[in-house]
N, C-alpha and C. Protein backbone atom coordinates (compact mmCIF):
# COMPACT_ATOMS: atom_id res chain seq x y z
N MET A 1 -12.47 10.58 22.98
CA MET A 1 -11.71 9.37 22.37
C MET A 1 -10.63 9.34 21.99
N LEU A 2 -9.85 8.21 22.64
CA LEU A 2 -8.51 7.91 22.29
C LEU A 2 -8.20 6.21 21.07
N CYS A 3 -9.51 5.55 21.30
CA CYS A 3 -8.97 4.38 20.34
C CYS A 3 -10.73 3.81 20.04
N VAL A 4 -10.84 2.80 19.44
CA VAL A 4 -12.30 2.44 18.60
C VAL A 4 -12.86 1.99 19.89
N ALA A 5 -12.24 1.27 20.74
CA ALA A 5 -13.23 0.92 22.13
C ALA A 5 -13.87 1.74 22.72
N ASP A 6 -13.20 3.13 22.84
CA ASP A 6 -14.12 4.60 23.42
C ASP A 6 -14.83 5.11 22.48
N ALA A 7 -14.87 4.98 21.10
CA ALA A 7 -15.74 5.48 20.23
C ALA A 7 -16.89 4.86 20.56
N LEU A 8 -16.85 3.29 19.89
CA LEU A 8 -18.20 2.73 20.05
C LEU A 8 -18.99 2.61 21.34
N THR A 9 -18.15 3.27 22.62
CA THR A 9 -19.50 3.05 23.44
C THR A 9 -20.05 4.54 23.19
N GLU A 10 -19.42 5.36 22.93
CA GLU A 10 -20.24 7.02 22.40
C GLU A 10 -21.49 6.49 21.54
N LEU A 11 -21.38 5.74 20.76
CA LEU A 11 -22.15 5.44 19.63
C LEU A 11 -23.47 4.82 19.88
N THR A 12 -25.16 5.07 18.99
CA THR A 12 -25.94 4.77 19.47
C THR A 12 -25.92 4.05 18.32
N GLY A 13 -26.60 3.23 18.08
CA GLY A 13 -27.52 2.05 17.27
C GLY A 13 -26.39 1.24 17.05
N PRO A 14 -26.42 0.26 16.08
CA PRO A 14 -25.42 -0.69 15.65
C PRO A 14 -24.39 0.07 14.67
N VAL A 15 -23.15 -0.44 14.51
CA VAL A 15 -21.93 0.17 13.80
C VAL A 15 -21.45 -1.32 13.05
N ASP A 16 -21.29 -1.02 11.95
CA ASP A 16 -21.51 -2.07 10.99
C ASP A 16 -19.55 -2.66 10.98
N LEU A 17 -19.12 -1.10 10.96
CA LEU A 17 -17.21 -1.39 10.42
C LEU A 17 -16.67 -0.46 11.45
N ALA A 18 -15.91 -0.70 12.26
CA ALA A 18 -15.06 0.17 12.86
C ALA A 18 -13.88 0.20 12.37
N ILE A 19 -12.61 0.65 11.99
CA ILE A 19 -11.16 0.51 11.34
C ILE A 19 -10.14 0.89 13.05
N ASP A 20 -9.87 0.15 13.20
CA ASP A 20 -9.18 0.32 14.29
C ASP A 20 -7.83 0.51 14.13
N GLY A 21 -7.35 1.82 14.44
CA GLY A 21 -5.81 2.22 13.81
C GLY A 21 -4.88 2.30 15.33
N GLY A 22 -5.22 2.19 15.96
CA GLY A 22 -4.70 2.01 17.58
C GLY A 22 -4.99 3.80 18.29
N ARG A 23 -4.53 3.24 19.47
CA ARG A 23 -4.47 4.42 20.33
C ARG A 23 -3.80 5.58 19.47
N ARG A 24 -4.58 6.79 19.48
CA ARG A 24 -4.14 8.13 19.17
C ARG A 24 -3.90 9.03 20.44
N PRO A 25 -2.38 9.47 20.51
CA PRO A 25 -1.98 10.54 21.17
C PRO A 25 -3.40 11.56 21.19
N GLU A 26 -2.93 12.25 22.50
CA GLU A 26 -4.22 13.09 23.54
C GLU A 26 -4.57 14.10 22.54
N ASP A 27 -3.69 14.64 22.35
CA ASP A 27 -3.33 16.04 21.34
C ASP A 27 -3.49 15.86 19.77
N ALA A 28 -3.94 14.79 19.12
CA ALA A 28 -4.48 14.52 17.77
C ALA A 28 -5.82 14.72 17.31
N ALA A 29 -5.79 15.37 16.18
CA ALA A 29 -7.26 15.08 15.59
C ALA A 29 -8.04 14.45 15.91
N ALA A 30 -9.41 14.57 15.52
CA ALA A 30 -10.51 13.85 15.92
C ALA A 30 -10.62 12.89 15.07
N SER A 31 -11.18 12.04 15.05
CA SER A 31 -11.36 10.61 13.68
C SER A 31 -12.12 11.47 12.49
N THR A 32 -12.17 10.54 11.70
CA THR A 32 -13.06 10.91 10.33
C THR A 32 -14.13 9.86 10.49
N VAL A 33 -15.14 10.68 10.32
CA VAL A 33 -16.56 9.61 10.35
C VAL A 33 -16.78 9.75 9.59
N ILE A 34 -17.81 8.26 9.00
CA ILE A 34 -18.37 8.50 7.65
C ILE A 34 -19.89 7.46 7.71
N ASP A 35 -20.74 7.64 7.27
CA ASP A 35 -21.96 6.95 6.62
C ASP A 35 -21.49 6.01 5.57
N ALA A 36 -21.48 4.78 5.77
CA ALA A 36 -21.15 3.90 4.52
C ALA A 36 -22.67 3.62 3.95
N THR A 37 -23.60 4.29 5.09
CA THR A 37 -24.76 3.28 4.28
C THR A 37 -25.65 3.63 2.91
N VAL A 38 -24.85 5.14 2.57
CA VAL A 38 -25.19 5.78 1.13
C VAL A 38 -23.98 5.63 0.18
N GLU A 39 -24.56 5.50 -1.02
CA GLU A 39 -23.79 5.62 -2.40
C GLU A 39 -23.84 6.87 -2.88
N PRO A 40 -22.79 7.66 -2.85
CA PRO A 40 -21.13 7.36 -2.20
C PRO A 40 -21.06 7.87 -0.96
N VAL A 41 -19.90 7.31 0.08
CA VAL A 41 -20.48 7.56 1.29
C VAL A 41 -20.33 8.83 1.66
N ARG A 42 -20.72 9.09 2.49
CA ARG A 42 -20.91 10.41 3.26
C ARG A 42 -19.59 10.87 4.40
N ILE A 43 -19.38 11.92 4.27
CA ILE A 43 -18.46 12.49 5.42
C ILE A 43 -19.01 13.19 6.23
N LEU A 44 -18.97 12.71 7.63
CA LEU A 44 -20.23 13.15 8.62
C LEU A 44 -19.07 14.16 9.85
N ARG A 45 -18.10 13.67 9.71
CA ARG A 45 -17.20 14.00 10.54
C ARG A 45 -15.85 14.00 10.17
N PRO A 46 -15.07 15.20 9.15
CA PRO A 46 -13.70 15.46 8.73
C PRO A 46 -12.80 15.48 10.01
N GLY A 47 -11.63 14.45 9.59
CA GLY A 47 -10.84 14.18 10.50
C GLY A 47 -9.16 13.98 9.40
N PRO A 48 -8.71 13.04 10.09
CA PRO A 48 -6.96 13.37 9.25
C PRO A 48 -7.24 12.18 8.15
N VAL A 49 -8.36 11.77 8.02
CA VAL A 49 -7.98 10.84 7.05
C VAL A 49 -9.27 11.09 5.73
N SER A 50 -8.49 11.84 4.58
CA SER A 50 -8.77 12.24 3.42
C SER A 50 -10.26 11.52 2.88
N GLU A 51 -11.07 12.11 1.99
CA GLU A 51 -12.39 11.36 1.54
C GLU A 51 -11.60 10.20 0.48
N ALA A 52 -10.63 11.00 0.08
CA ALA A 52 -10.07 10.10 -1.37
C ALA A 52 -9.28 8.72 -0.63
N GLU A 53 -8.76 8.87 0.27
CA GLU A 53 -8.00 7.95 1.18
C GLU A 53 -9.21 6.55 1.56
N ILE A 54 -10.00 7.30 2.25
CA ILE A 54 -12.01 6.51 2.46
C ILE A 54 -11.74 5.60 1.20
N ARG A 55 -12.47 6.49 0.42
CA ARG A 55 -12.71 6.19 -1.23
C ARG A 55 -11.79 4.96 -2.11
N ALA A 56 -10.35 5.07 -1.26
CA ALA A 56 -9.57 4.13 -2.05
C ALA A 56 -9.76 2.80 -0.95
N CYS A 57 -9.84 2.76 -0.12
CA CYS A 57 -9.42 1.69 1.26
C CYS A 57 -11.15 1.08 0.77
N LEU A 58 -12.21 1.61 0.45
CA LEU A 58 -13.36 0.82 0.14
C LEU A 58 -13.60 0.86 -1.31
N SER A 59 -12.60 0.50 -2.23
CA SER A 59 -13.00 0.34 -3.40
C SER A 59 -13.08 -0.99 -3.71
N GLY A 60 -12.11 -1.76 -3.00
CA GLY A 60 -12.32 -3.26 -3.26
C GLY A 60 -13.61 -3.74 -2.81
N LEU A 61 -14.24 -3.26 -1.65
CA LEU A 61 -15.49 -3.72 -1.11
C LEU A 61 -16.47 -4.02 -2.11
């Protein structure tokens, strides 16, 4: 998958939030996937965005 639109077509069920960082190069690492329905958020698939970066982004929500 190269962009958020591609990812959304692959996911089943509703998606409440997808952060679009733009298209990624074909040789880039896979995206980080989280479950934000639990507290604290849970990393489902590690990727280039660290857990600390995710928590920092979500801290104001």
